[in-house]
PDB file of N, CA and C in Angstrom:
ATOM      1  N   MET A   1     -65.105  20.021   2.346  1.00  0.00           N
ATOM      2  CA  MET A   1     -63.792  20.409   2.824  1.00  0.00           C
ATOM      3  C   MET A   1     -62.690  19.284   1.890  1.00  0.00           C
ATOM      4  N   LEU A   2     -61.895  20.089   1.405  1.00  0.00           N
ATOM      5  CA  LEU A   2     -60.837  19.146   0.721  1.00  0.00           C
ATOM      6  C   LEU A   2     -59.736  18.667   1.839  1.00  0.00           C
ATOM      7  N   ILE A   3     -59.610  17.421   1.996  1.00  0.00           N
ATOM      8  CA  ILE A   3     -58.635  16.796   2.617  1.00  0.00           C
ATOM      9  C   ILE A   3     -57.698  15.762   1.810  1.00  0.00           C
ATOM     10  N   ARG A   4     -56.342  15.586   2.415  1.00  0.00           N
ATOM     11  CA  ARG A   4     -55.597  14.860   1.773  1.00  0.00           C
ATOM     12  C   ARG A   4     -55.741  13.402   1.856  1.00  0.00           C
ATOM     13  N   PHE A   5     -55.609  12.543   0.725  1.00  0.00           N
ATOM     14  CA  PHE A   5     -55.795  11.171   0.791  1.00  0.00           C
ATOM     15  C   PHE A   5     -54.950  10.450   1.682  1.00  0.00           C
ATOM     16  N   LYS A   6     -55.170   9.616   2.518  1.00  0.00           N
ATOM     17  CA  LYS A   6     -54.410   8.594   3.233  1.00  0.00           C
ATOM     18  C   LYS A   6     -54.895   7.137   3.172  1.00  0.00           C
ATOM     19  N   LYS A   7     -54.072   6.454   3.546  1.00  0.00           N
ATOM     20  CA  LYS A   7     -54.321   4.916   3.257  1.00  0.00           C
ATOM     21  C   LYS A   7     -55.753   4.493   3.843  1.00  0.00           C
ATOM     22  N   SER A   8     -56.078   4.833   5.016  1.00  0.00           N
ATOM     23  CA  SER A   8     -57.448   4.566   5.421  1.00  0.00           C
ATOM     24  C   SER A   8     -58.407   4.731   4.416  1.00  0.00           C
ATOM     25  N   PHE A   9     -58.210   5.701   3.821  1.00  0.00           N
ATOM     26  CA  PHE A   9     -59.466   6.176   2.813  1.00  0.00           C
ATOM     27  C   PHE A   9     -59.191   5.238   1.215  1.00  0.00           C
ATOM     28  N   GLU A  10     -58.582   4.149   1.305  1.00  0.00           N
ATOM     29  CA  GLU A  10     -58.230   3.670  -0.117  1.00  0.00           C
ATOM     30  C   GLU A  10     -59.333   3.183  -0.723  1.00  0.00           C
ATOM     31  N   LYS A  11     -60.306   2.355   0.156  1.00  0.00           N
ATOM     32  CA  LYS A  11     -61.413   1.785  -0.603  1.00  0.00           C
ATOM     33  C   LYS A  11     -62.430   2.891  -1.032  1.00  0.00           C
ATOM     34  N   ILE A  12     -62.559   3.909  -0.311  1.00  0.00           N
ATOM     35  CA  ILE A  12     -63.444   5.110  -0.620  1.00  0.00           C
ATOM     36  C   ILE A  12     -62.772   5.721  -1.950  1.00  0.00           C
ATOM     37  N   ALA A  13     -61.714   6.020  -2.033  1.00  0.00           N
ATOM     38  CA  ALA A  13     -61.164   6.684  -2.918  1.00  0.00           C
ATOM     39  C   ALA A  13     -61.151   5.647  -4.551  1.00  0.00           C
ATOM     40  N   MET A  14     -60.889   4.386  -4.312  1.00  0.00           N
ATOM     41  CA  MET A  14     -60.918   3.551  -5.222  1.00  0.00           C
ATOM     42  C   MET A  14     -62.499   3.553  -6.015  1.00  0.00           C
ATOM     43  N   GLY A  15     -63.490   3.543  -4.843  1.00  0.00           N
ATOM     44  CA  GLY A  15     -64.982   3.780  -5.391  1.00  0.00           C
ATOM     45  C   GLY A  15     -65.125   4.951  -6.037  1.00  0.00           C
ATOM     46  N   LEU A  16     -64.533   6.074  -5.581  1.00  0.00           N
ATOM     47  CA  LEU A  16     -64.799   7.226  -6.253  1.00  0.00           C
ATOM     48  C   LEU A  16     -64.015   7.139  -7.628  1.00  0.00           C
ATOM     49  N   LEU A  17     -63.058   7.027  -7.704  1.00  0.00           N
ATOM     50  CA  LEU A  17     -62.256   7.168  -9.113  1.00  0.00           C
ATOM     51  C   LEU A  17     -62.974   6.013 -10.061  1.00  0.00           C
ATOM     52  N   SER A  18     -63.714   5.008  -9.588  1.00  0.00           N
ATOM     53  CA  SER A  18     -64.414   3.944 -10.398  1.00  0.00           C
ATOM     54  C   SER A  18     -65.511   4.656 -11.210  1.00  0.00           C
ATOM     55  N   PHE A  19     -65.955   5.662 -10.761  1.00  0.00           N
ATOM     56  CA  PHE A  19     -66.957   6.395 -11.415  1.00  0.00           C
ATOM     57  C   PHE A  19     -66.322   7.131 -12.901  1.00  0.00           C
ATOM     58  N   MET A  20     -64.984   7.123 -12.842  1.00  0.00           N
ATOM     59  CA  MET A  20     -64.637   7.780 -14.152  1.00  0.00           C
ATOM     60  C   MET A  20     -64.363   6.692 -15.201  1.00  0.00           C
ATOM     61  N   PRO A  21     -64.942   7.240 -16.128  1.00  0.00           N
ATOM     62  CA  PRO A  21     -64.904   6.124 -17.707  1.00  0.00           C
ATOM     63  C   PRO A  21     -63.542   5.463 -17.568  1.00  0.00           C
ATOM     64  N   GLU A  22     -62.566   5.616 -17.667  1.00  0.00           N
ATOM     65  CA  GLU A  22     -61.393   5.208 -17.832  1.00  0.00           C
ATOM     66  C   GLU A  22     -60.705   4.202 -16.806  1.00  0.00           C
ATOM     67  N   SER A  23     -61.364   4.214 -15.696  1.00  0.00           N
ATOM     68  CA  SER A  23     -60.991   3.678 -14.385  1.00  0.00           C
ATOM     69  C   SER A  23     -61.892   2.525 -13.957  1.00  0.00           C
ATOM     70  N   LYS A  24     -62.468   1.729 -14.827  1.00  0.00           N
ATOM     71  CA  LYS A  24     -63.442   0.878 -14.422  1.00  0.00           C
ATOM     72  C   LYS A  24     -62.893  -0.496 -13.886  1.00  0.00           C
ATOM     73  N   ASP A  25     -61.741  -0.808 -14.358  1.00  0.00           N
ATOM     74  CA  ASP A  25     -61.074  -2.207 -14.134  1.00  0.00           C
ATOM     75  C   ASP A  25     -60.456  -1.742 -12.754  1.00  0.00           C
ATOM     76  N   VAL A  26     -60.613  -2.893 -11.862  1.00  0.00           N
ATOM     77  CA  VAL A  26     -60.125  -3.149 -10.451  1.00  0.00           C
ATOM     78  C   VAL A  26     -58.573  -3.074 -10.603  1.00  0.00           C
ATOM     79  N   LYS A  27     -57.926  -3.568 -11.253  1.00  0.00           N
ATOM     80  CA  LYS A  27     -56.653  -3.725 -11.536  1.00  0.00           C
ATOM     81  C   LYS A  27     -55.880  -2.536 -11.698  1.00  0.00           C
ATOM     82  N   LYS A  28     -56.672  -1.674 -12.662  1.00  0.00           N
ATOM     83  CA  LYS A  28     -56.227  -0.287 -13.096  1.00  0.00           C
ATOM     84  C   LYS A  28     -56.515   0.569 -11.889  1.00  0.00           C
ATOM     85  N   LEU A  29     -57.588   0.635 -11.115  1.00  0.00           N
ATOM     86  CA  LEU A  29     -57.666   1.095  -9.889  1.00  0.00           C
ATOM     87  C   LEU A  29     -56.755   1.215  -8.791  1.00  0.00           C
ATOM     88  N   GLN A  30     -56.269  -0.034  -8.751  1.00  0.00           N
ATOM     89  CA  GLN A  30     -55.310  -0.391  -7.718  1.00  0.00           C
ATOM     90  C   GLN A  30     -54.127   0.186  -8.101  1.00  0.00           C
ATOM     91  N   ASP A  31     -53.764  -0.008  -9.515  1.00  0.00           N
ATOM     92  CA  ASP A  31     -52.591   0.834  -9.881  1.00  0.00           C
ATOM     93  C   ASP A  31     -52.534   2.320  -9.703  1.00  0.00           C
ATOM     94  N   ILE A  32     -53.514   2.950  -9.844  1.00  0.00           N
ATOM     95  CA  ILE A  32     -53.713   4.524  -9.674  1.00  0.00           C
ATOM     96  C   ILE A  32     -53.392   4.853  -8.255  1.00  0.00           C
ATOM     97  N   ILE A  33     -54.058   4.246  -7.458  1.00  0.00           N
ATOM     98  CA  ILE A  33     -54.199   4.450  -5.938  1.00  0.00           C
ATOM     99  C   ILE A  33     -52.777   4.095  -5.542  1.00  0.00           C
ATOM    100  N   LYS A  34     -51.972   2.846  -6.075  1.00  0.00           N
ATOM    101  CA  LYS A  34     -50.585   2.731  -5.621  1.00  0.00           C
ATOM    102  C   LYS A  34     -49.654   3.922  -5.993  1.00  0.00           C
ATOM    103  N   GLU A  35     -49.974   4.389  -7.332  1.00  0.00           N
ATOM    104  CA  GLU A  35     -49.023   5.490  -7.778  1.00  0.00           C
ATOM    105  C   GLU A  35     -49.372   6.711  -7.067  1.00  0.00           C
ATOM    106  N   TYR A  36     -50.741   7.213  -6.409  1.00  0.00           N
ATOM    107  CA  TYR A  36     -50.969   8.472  -5.486  1.00  0.00           C
ATOM    108  C   TYR A  36     -50.050   8.088  -4.105  1.00  0.00           C
ATOM    109  N   GLU A  37     -49.926   6.759  -3.684  1.00  0.00           N
ATOM    110  CA  GLU A  37     -49.400   6.248  -2.314  1.00  0.00           C
ATOM    111  C   GLU A  37     -47.921   6.846  -2.642  1.00  0.00           C
ATOM    112  N   SER A  38     -47.420   6.236  -3.696  1.00  0.00           N
ATOM    113  CA  SER A  38     -45.920   5.952  -3.946  1.00  0.00           C
ATOM    114  C   SER A  38     -45.021   7.211  -4.655  1.00  0.00           C
ATOM    115  N   ASN A  39     -45.843   8.034  -5.393  1.00  0.00           N
ATOM    116  CA  ASN A  39     -45.142   8.925  -6.206  1.00  0.00           C
ATOM    117  C   ASN A  39     -45.343  10.271  -5.737  1.00  0.00           C
ATOM    118  N   LYS A  40     -44.286  10.838  -5.362  1.00  0.00           N
ATOM    119  CA  LYS A  40     -44.285  12.296  -4.561  1.00  0.00           C
ATOM    120  C   LYS A  40     -44.910  13.354  -5.512  1.00  0.00           C
ATOM    121  N   ASP A  41     -44.977  13.104  -6.735  1.00  0.00           N
ATOM    122  CA  ASP A  41     -45.685  14.033  -7.775  1.00  0.00           C
ATOM    123  C   ASP A  41     -46.940  13.894  -8.011  1.00  0.00           C
ATOM    124  N   TRP A  42     -47.532  12.950  -7.400  1.00  0.00           N
ATOM    125  CA  TRP A  42     -49.011  12.550  -7.457  1.00  0.00           C
ATOM    126  C   TRP A  42     -49.711  12.598  -6.375  1.00  0.00           C
ATOM    127  N   HIS A  43     -50.815  13.733  -6.358  1.00  0.00           N
ATOM    128  CA  HIS A  43     -51.322  14.266  -5.234  1.00  0.00           C
ATOM    129  C   HIS A  43     -52.955  13.904  -5.342  1.00  0.00           C
ATOM    130  N   LEU A  44     -53.556  13.138  -4.401  1.00  0.00           N
ATOM    131  CA  LEU A  44     -55.097  12.788  -4.470  1.00  0.00           C
ATOM    132  C   LEU A  44     -55.532  13.447  -3.098  1.00  0.00           C
ATOM    133  N   TYR A  45     -56.750  14.151  -3.462  1.00  0.00           N
ATOM    134  CA  TYR A  45     -57.727  14.976  -2.253  1.00  0.00           C
ATOM    135  C   TYR A  45     -59.168  14.497  -2.212  1.00  0.00           C
ATOM    136  N   LEU A  46     -59.541  14.295  -1.354  1.00  0.00           N
ATOM    137  CA  LEU A  46     -60.949  13.813  -1.027  1.00  0.00           C
ATOM    138  C   LEU A  46     -61.781  15.024  -0.645  1.00  0.00           C
ATOM    139  N   TRP A  47     -63.088  14.886  -1.097  1.00  0.00           N
ATOM    140  CA  TRP A  47     -64.066  16.134  -0.541  1.00  0.00           C
ATOM    141  C   TRP A  47     -64.859  15.409   0.238  1.00  0.00           C
ATOM    142  N   LYS A  48     -64.899  15.981   1.586  1.00  0.00           N
ATOM    143  CA  LYS A  48     -65.654  15.470   2.593  1.00  0.00           C
ATOM    144  C   LYS A  48     -66.601  16.862   3.013  1.00  0.00           C
ATOM    145  N   GLU A  49     -67.923  15.971   3.221  1.00  0.00           N
ATOM    146  CA  GLU A  49     -69.008  16.900   3.465  1.00  0.00           C
ATOM    147  C   GLU A  49     -69.475  15.972   4.892  1.00  0.00           C
ATOM    148  N   GLY A  50     -69.538  16.766   5.934  1.00  0.00           N
ATOM    149  CA  GLY A  50     -69.993  16.044   7.238  1.00  0.00           C
ATOM    150  C   GLY A  50     -69.206  14.744   7.525  1.00  0.00           C
ATOM    151  N   GLU A  51     -69.661  13.686   7.717  1.00  0.00           N
ATOM    152  CA  GLU A  51     -68.927  12.393   7.805  1.00  0.00           C
ATOM    153  C   GLU A  51     -68.576  11.827   6.601  1.00  0.00           C
ATOM    154  N   ASP A  52     -69.486  12.105   5.538  1.00  0.00           N
ATOM    155  CA  ASP A  52     -69.293  11.490   3.992  1.00  0.00           C
ATOM    156  C   ASP A  52     -68.208  11.987   3.379  1.00  0.00           C
ATOM    157  N   ILE A  53     -67.484  11.156   2.569  1.00  0.00           N
ATOM    158  CA  ILE A  53     -66.517  11.266   1.675  1.00  0.00           C
ATOM    159  C   ILE A  53     -67.257  11.254   0.457  1.00  0.00           C
ATOM    160  N   ILE A  54     -67.449  12.348  -0.529  1.00  0.00           N
ATOM    161  CA  ILE A  54     -68.230  12.279  -1.719  1.00  0.00           C
ATOM    162  C   ILE A  54     -67.478  12.582  -2.965  1.00  0.00           C
ATOM    163  N   GLY A  55     -66.295  12.918  -2.914  1.00  0.00           N
ATOM    164  CA  GLY A  55     -65.632  13.247  -4.172  1.00  0.00           C
ATOM    165  C   GLY A  55     -64.005  13.061  -3.989  1.00  0.00           C
ATOM    166  N   ALA A  56     -63.454  13.254  -5.280  1.00  0.00           N
ATOM    167  CA  ALA A  56     -62.138  12.943  -5.556  1.00  0.00           C
ATOM    168  C   ALA A  56     -61.539  13.661  -6.502  1.00  0.00           C
ATOM    169  N   VAL A  57     -60.378  14.512  -6.162  1.00  0.00           N
ATOM    170  CA  VAL A  57     -59.598  15.141  -7.216  1.00  0.00           C
ATOM    171  C   VAL A  57     -58.267  14.845  -7.347  1.00  0.00           C
ATOM    172  N   GLY A  58     -57.542  14.273  -8.313  1.00  0.00           N
ATOM    173  CA  GLY A  58     -56.200  14.081  -8.400  1.00  0.00           C
ATOM    174  C   GLY A  58     -55.405  14.830  -9.301  1.00  0.00           C
ATOM    175  N   LEU A  59     -54.075  15.478  -8.618  1.00  0.00           N
ATOM    176  CA  LEU A  59     -53.105  16.218  -9.590  1.00  0.00           C
ATOM    177  C   LEU A  59     -51.969  15.579  -9.761  1.00  0.00           C
ATOM    178  N   ARG A  60     -50.956  15.769 -10.812  1.00  0.00           N
ATOM    179  CA  ARG A  60     -49.880  15.269 -11.214  1.00  0.00           C
ATOM    180  C   ARG A  60     -49.055  16.428 -11.459  1.00  0.00           C
ATOM    181  N   ILE A  61     -47.763  16.487 -10.799  1.00  0.00           N
ATOM    182  CA  ILE A  61     -47.068  17.451 -11.086  1.00  0.00           C
ATOM    183  C   ILE A  61     -45.975  17.215 -12.058  1.00  0.00           C
ATOM    184  N   GLU A  62     -45.875  17.998 -13.092  1.00  0.00           N
ATOM    185  CA  GLU A  62     -44.931  17.748 -14.062  1.00  0.00           C
ATOM    186  C   GLU A  62     -44.267  18.964 -14.416  1.00  0.00           C
ATOM    187  N   GLY A  63     -42.880  19.112 -14.079  1.00  0.00           N
ATOM    188  CA  GLY A  63     -42.298  20.376 -14.336  1.00  0.00           C
ATOM    189  C   GLY A  63     -42.770  21.597 -13.562  1.00  0.00           C
ATOM    190  N   ARG A  64     -43.180  22.644 -14.240  1.00  0.00           N
ATOM    191  CA  ARG A  64     -43.903  23.909 -13.737  1.00  0.00           C
ATOM    192  C   ARG A  64     -45.639  23.658 -13.610  1.00  0.00           C
ATOM    193  N   ASP A  65     -45.913  22.350 -13.985  1.00  0.00           N
ATOM    194  CA  ASP A  65     -47.579  22.491 -14.298  1.00  0.00           C
ATOM    195  C   ASP A  65     -48.195  21.505 -13.117  1.00  0.00           C
ATOM    196  N   ALA A  66     -49.237  21.700 -12.666  1.00  0.00           N
ATOM    197  CA  ALA A  66     -50.272  20.921 -11.784  1.00  0.00           C
ATOM    198  C   ALA A  66     -51.221  20.310 -12.638  1.00  0.00           C
ATOM    199  N   ILE A  67     -51.235  19.190 -13.036  1.00  0.00           N
ATOM    200  CA  ILE A  67     -52.212  18.837 -14.129  1.00  0.00           C
ATOM    201  C   ILE A  67     -53.364  18.176 -13.214  1.00  0.00           C
ATOM    202  N   VAL A  68     -54.700  18.507 -13.660  1.00  0.00           N
ATOM    203  CA  VAL A  68     -55.944  17.743 -12.661  1.00  0.00           C
ATOM    204  C   VAL A  68     -56.028  16.611 -13.749  1.00  0.00           C
ATOM    205  N   GLN A  69     -55.557  15.235 -13.367  1.00  0.00           N
ATOM    206  CA  GLN A  69     -56.058  14.193 -14.045  1.00  0.00           C
ATOM    207  C   GLN A  69     -57.107  13.119 -13.672  1.00  0.00           C
ATOM    208  N   HIS A  70     -57.630  13.743 -12.506  1.00  0.00           N
ATOM    209  CA  HIS A  70     -58.955  12.617 -12.216  1.00  0.00           C
ATOM    210  C   HIS A  70     -59.780  13.655 -11.414  1.00  0.00           C
ATOM    211  N   VAL A  71     -61.005  13.674 -11.426  1.00  0.00           N
ATOM    212  CA  VAL A  71     -62.155  14.326 -10.754  1.00  0.00           C
ATOM    213  C   VAL A  71     -63.384  13.415 -10.752  1.00  0.00           C
ATOM    214  N   SER A  72     -63.835  13.163  -9.810  1.00  0.00           N
ATOM    215  CA  SER A  72     -64.944  12.397  -9.450  1.00  0.00           C
ATOM    216  C   SER A  72     -65.670  12.881  -8.257  1.00  0.00           C
ATOM    217  N   VAL A  73     -67.015  12.705  -8.519  1.00  0.00           N
ATOM    218  CA  VAL A  73     -68.091  13.057  -7.599  1.00  0.00           C
ATOM    219  C   VAL A  73     -69.169  11.705  -7.343  1.00  0.00           C
ATOM    220  N   ASN A  74     -69.463  11.348  -6.106  1.00  0.00           N
ATOM    221  CA  ASN A  74     -70.555  10.200  -5.966  1.00  0.00           C
ATOM    222  C   ASN A  74     -71.761  10.609  -6.982  1.00  0.00           C
ATOM    223  N   PRO A  75     -72.240   9.867  -7.609  1.00  0.00           N
ATOM    224  CA  PRO A  75     -73.409   9.996  -8.311  1.00  0.00           C
ATOM    225  C   PRO A  75     -74.656  10.765  -7.736  1.00  0.00           C
ATOM    226  N   SER A  76     -74.830  10.496  -6.362  1.00  0.00           N
ATOM    227  CA  SER A  76     -75.974  10.866  -5.795  1.00  0.00           C
ATOM    228  C   SER A  76     -75.622  12.330  -5.288  1.00  0.00           C
ATOM    229  N   HIS A  77     -74.697  12.810  -5.546  1.00  0.00           N
ATOM    230  CA  HIS A  77     -74.083  14.396  -5.168  1.00  0.00           C
ATOM    231  C   HIS A  77     -73.773  15.204  -6.330  1.00  0.00           C
ATOM    232  N   ARG A  78     -74.220  14.574  -7.450  1.00  0.00           N
ATOM    233  CA  ARG A  78     -73.519  15.540  -8.676  1.00  0.00           C
ATOM    234  C   ARG A  78     -74.660  16.338  -8.989  1.00  0.00           C
ATOM    235  N   ASN A  79     -74.082  17.477  -9.741  1.00  0.00           N
ATOM    236  CA  ASN A  79     -75.183  18.555 -10.341  1.00  0.00           C
ATOM    237  C   ASN A  79     -75.413  19.663  -8.999  1.00  0.00           C
ATOM    238  N   SER A  80     -74.517  19.402  -7.918  1.00  0.00           N
ATOM    239  CA  SER A  80     -74.683  20.498  -6.809  1.00  0.00           C
ATOM    240  C   SER A  80     -73.444  21.149  -6.757  1.00  0.00           C
ATOM    241  N   GLY A  81     -72.528  21.316  -7.553  1.00  0.00           N
ATOM    242  CA  GLY A  81     -71.166  22.298  -7.504  1.00  0.00           C
ATOM    243  C   GLY A  81     -70.177  21.831  -6.835  1.00  0.00           C
ATOM    244  N   ILE A  82     -70.066  20.228  -6.457  1.00  0.00           N
ATOM    245  CA  ILE A  82     -68.987  20.023  -5.492  1.00  0.00           C
ATOM    246  C   ILE A  82     -67.714  19.724  -6.633  1.00  0.00           C
ATOM    247  N   GLY A  83     -67.945  19.368  -7.649  1.00  0.00           N
ATOM    248  CA  GLY A  83     -66.786  18.998  -8.596  1.00  0.00           C
ATOM    249  C   GLY A  83     -66.123  20.306  -9.024  1.00  0.00           C
ATOM    250  N   LYS A  84     -67.253  21.400  -9.125  1.00  0.00           N
ATOM    251  CA  LYS A  84     -66.524  22.656  -9.220  1.00  0.00           C
ATOM    252  C   LYS A  84     -65.623  23.384  -8.071  1.00  0.00           C
ATOM    253  N   GLU A  85     -66.183  22.968  -6.756  1.00  0.00           N
ATOM    254  CA  GLU A  85     -65.544  23.507  -5.601  1.00  0.00           C
ATOM    255  C   GLU A  85     -64.123  22.713  -5.328  1.00  0.00           C
ATOM    256  N   MET A  86     -64.317  21.395  -5.554  1.00  0.00           N
ATOM    257  CA  MET A  86     -62.895  20.621  -5.479  1.00  0.00           C
ATOM    258  C   MET A  86     -62.011  21.072  -6.366  1.00  0.00           C
ATOM    259  N   VAL A  87     -62.397  21.327  -7.625  1.00  0.00           N
ATOM    260  CA  VAL A  87     -61.386  21.799  -8.425  1.00  0.00           C
ATOM    261  C   VAL A  87     -60.681  23.522  -8.232  1.00  0.00           C
ATOM    262  N   LYS A  88     -61.683  24.002  -7.658  1.00  0.00           N
ATOM    263  CA  LYS A  88     -61.356  25.540  -7.299  1.00  0.00           C
ATOM    264  C   LYS A  88     -60.431  25.318  -6.121  1.00  0.00           C
ATOM    265  N   LYS A  89     -60.744  24.558  -5.175  1.00  0.00           N
ATOM    266  CA  LYS A  89     -59.792  24.457  -4.007  1.00  0.00           C
ATOM    267  C   LYS A  89     -58.395  23.781  -4.285  1.00  0.00           C
ATOM    268  N   ALA A  90     -58.417  22.713  -5.092  1.00  0.00           N
ATOM    269  CA  ALA A  90     -57.105  22.188  -5.424  1.00  0.00           C
ATOM    270  C   ALA A  90     -56.392  23.309  -6.396  1.00  0.00           C
ATOM    271  N   THR A  91     -57.113  24.032  -7.197  1.00  0.00           N
ATOM    272  CA  THR A  91     -56.364  24.871  -7.884  1.00  0.00           C
ATOM    273  C   THR A  91     -55.700  25.883  -7.062  1.00  0.00           C
ATOM    274  N   GLU A  92     -56.418  26.489  -5.947  1.00  0.00           N
ATOM    275  CA  GLU A  92     -55.863  27.241  -5.277  1.00  0.00           C
ATOM    276  C   GLU A  92     -54.831  26.909  -4.297  1.00  0.00           C
ATOM    277  N   LYS A  93     -54.462  25.587  -4.140  1.00  0.00           N
ATOM    278  CA  LYS A  93     -53.292  24.901  -3.294  1.00  0.00           C
ATOM    279  C   LYS A  93     -52.166  25.171  -4.308  1.00  0.00           C
ATOM    280  N   TYR A  94     -52.448  25.056  -5.624  1.00  0.00           N
ATOM    281  CA  TYR A  94     -51.102  25.073  -6.540  1.00  0.00           C
ATOM    282  C   TYR A  94     -51.124  26.403  -7.339  1.00  0.00           C
ATOM    283  N   GLN A  95     -51.748  27.279  -7.373  1.00  0.00           N
ATOM    284  CA  GLN A  95     -51.550  28.570  -8.019  1.00  0.00           C
ATOM    285  C   GLN A  95     -50.444  29.392  -7.334  1.00  0.00           C
ATOM    286  N   GLY A  96     -49.851  29.940  -8.218  1.00  0.00           N
ATOM    287  CA  GLY A  96     -48.646  30.537  -7.951  1.00  0.00           C
ATOM    288  C   GLY A  96     -47.150  29.868  -7.945  1.00  0.00           C
ATOM    289  N   ALA A  97     -47.300  28.659  -7.504  1.00  0.00           N
ATOM    290  CA  ALA A  97     -46.266  27.499  -7.649  1.00  0.00           C
ATOM    291  C   ALA A  97     -46.288  26.904  -8.952  1.00  0.00           C
ATOM    292  N   TYR A  98     -47.430  26.658  -9.373  1.00  0.00           N
ATOM    293  CA  TYR A  98     -47.420  25.985 -10.655  1.00  0.00           C
ATOM    294  C   TYR A  98     -48.520  26.442 -11.544  1.00  0.00           C
ATOM    295  N   ALA A  99     -48.715  26.143 -12.704  1.00  0.00           N
ATOM    296  CA  ALA A  99     -49.778  26.530 -13.826  1.00  0.00           C
ATOM    297  C   ALA A  99     -50.525  25.166 -13.708  1.00  0.00           C
ATOM    298  N   VAL A 100     -51.641  25.435 -13.362  1.00  0.00           N
ATOM    299  CA  VAL A 100     -52.858  24.601 -13.245  1.00  0.00           C
ATOM    300  C   VAL A 100     -53.415  24.196 -14.761  1.00  0.00           C
ATOM    301  N   CYS A 101     -53.368  22.933 -15.152  1.00  0.00           N
ATOM    302  CA  CYS A 101     -54.027  22.660 -16.423  1.00  0.00           C
ATOM    303  C   CYS A 101     -54.684  21.001 -16.256  1.00  0.00           C
ATOM    304  N   ALA A 102     -54.986  20.736 -17.448  1.00  0.00           N
ATOM    305  CA  ALA A 102     -55.815  19.555 -17.235  1.00  0.00           C
ATOM    306  C   ALA A 102     -55.247  18.358 -18.230  1.00  0.00           C
ATOM    307  N   THR A 103     -55.771  17.253 -18.347  1.00  0.00           N
ATOM    308  CA  THR A 103     -55.628  16.128 -19.237  1.00  0.00           C
ATOM    309  C   THR A 103     -56.656  16.223 -20.195  1.00  0.00           C
ATOM    310  N   GLU A 104     -56.594  15.513 -21.447  1.00  0.00           N
ATOM    311  CA  GLU A 104     -57.483  15.728 -22.359  1.00  0.00           C
ATOM    312  C   GLU A 104     -58.851  15.003 -21.895  1.00  0.00           C
ATOM    313  N   GLU A 105     -58.934  14.073 -20.848  1.00  0.00           N
ATOM    314  CA  GLU A 105     -60.102  13.594 -20.297  1.00  0.00           C
ATOM    315  C   GLU A 105     -60.848  14.582 -19.125  1.00  0.00           C
ATOM    316  N   THR A 106     -59.813  15.218 -18.589  1.00  0.00           N
ATOM    317  CA  THR A 106     -60.557  16.487 -17.701  1.00  0.00           C
ATOM    318  C   THR A 106     -60.757  17.855 -18.004  1.00  0.00           C
ATOM    319  N   GLU A 107     -60.223  18.134 -19.236  1.00  0.00           N
ATOM    320  CA  GLU A 107     -60.038  19.528 -20.039  1.00  0.00           C
ATOM    321  C   GLU A 107     -61.404  20.232 -19.883  1.00  0.00           C
ATOM    322  N   ALA A 108     -62.472  19.548 -20.312  1.00  0.00           N
ATOM    323  CA  ALA A 108     -63.737  20.325 -20.491  1.00  0.00           C
ATOM    324  C   ALA A 108     -64.254  20.604 -19.155  1.00  0.00           C
ATOM    325  N   PHE A 109     -64.263  19.533 -18.336  1.00  0.00           N
ATOM    326  CA  PHE A 109     -64.546  20.167 -17.079  1.00  0.00           C
ATOM    327  C   PHE A 109     -63.917  20.947 -16.235  1.00  0.00           C
ATOM    328  N   VAL A 110     -62.576  20.918 -16.370  1.00  0.00           N
ATOM    329  CA  VAL A 110     -61.729  22.038 -15.388  1.00  0.00           C
ATOM    330  C   VAL A 110     -61.898  23.335 -16.220  1.00  0.00           C
ATOM    331  N   GLU A 111     -61.909  23.470 -17.440  1.00  0.00           N
ATOM    332  CA  GLU A 111     -62.277  24.767 -18.229  1.00  0.00           C
ATOM    333  C   GLU A 111     -63.996  25.229 -17.732  1.00  0.00           C
ATOM    334  N   LYS A 112     -64.855  24.377 -17.589  1.00  0.00           N
ATOM    335  CA  LYS A 112     -66.002  24.895 -17.025  1.00  0.00           C
ATOM    336  C   LYS A 112     -66.073  25.372 -15.639  1.00  0.00           C
ATOM    337  N   CYS A 113     -65.176  24.621 -15.058  1.00  0.00           N
ATOM    338  CA  CYS A 113     -64.824  25.099 -13.618  1.00  0.00           C
ATOM    339  C   CYS A 113     -64.426  26.701 -13.385  1.00  0.00           C
ATOM    340  N   SER A 114     -63.488  26.542 -14.498  1.00  0.00           N
ATOM    341  CA  SER A 114     -62.753  28.043 -14.091  1.00  0.00           C
ATOM    342  C   SER A 114     -63.536  29.099 -14.672  1.00  0.00           C
ATOM    343  N   SER A 115     -64.439  28.859 -15.567  1.00  0.00           N
ATOM    344  CA  SER A 115     -65.199  29.970 -16.413  1.00  0.00           C
ATOM    345  C   SER A 115     -66.453  30.146 -15.616  1.00  0.00           C
ATOM    346  N   ALA A 116     -66.822  29.324 -14.325  1.00  0.00           N
ATOM    347  CA  ALA A 116     -68.196  29.398 -13.757  1.00  0.00           C
ATOM    348  C   ALA A 116     -67.781  30.645 -12.684  1.00  0.00           C
ATOM    349  N   LYS A 117     -68.809  31.175 -12.591  1.00  0.00           N
ATOM    350  CA  LYS A 117     -68.736  32.364 -11.630  1.00  0.00           C
ATOM    351  C   LYS A 117     -69.392  32.024 -10.325  1.00  0.00           C
TER     352      LYS A 117
END
């Protein structure tokens, strides 16, 4: 289930985002989380299964685009379709109002998700 990020999930979200190659540095992770908390155009969602939060997907609104800029799944839950499901649910939230697209870093994964049946 896709849930909206809130401050009480900060450490979990930082941990998930740290799995992304460009987000290894703690200071950079703190800056990313701060941006999600303070910028009305940045939206972070977490994927919850049972009591566990195992994934994160972040989008940035720019004009008429909703840009998928972060996608991360706990390594022990990878290759089970969670990333695809997160991108699908996040895309559904923004379709119609925005054109959903990706950054250079997330493009291959987002395209793979949209072509998956």
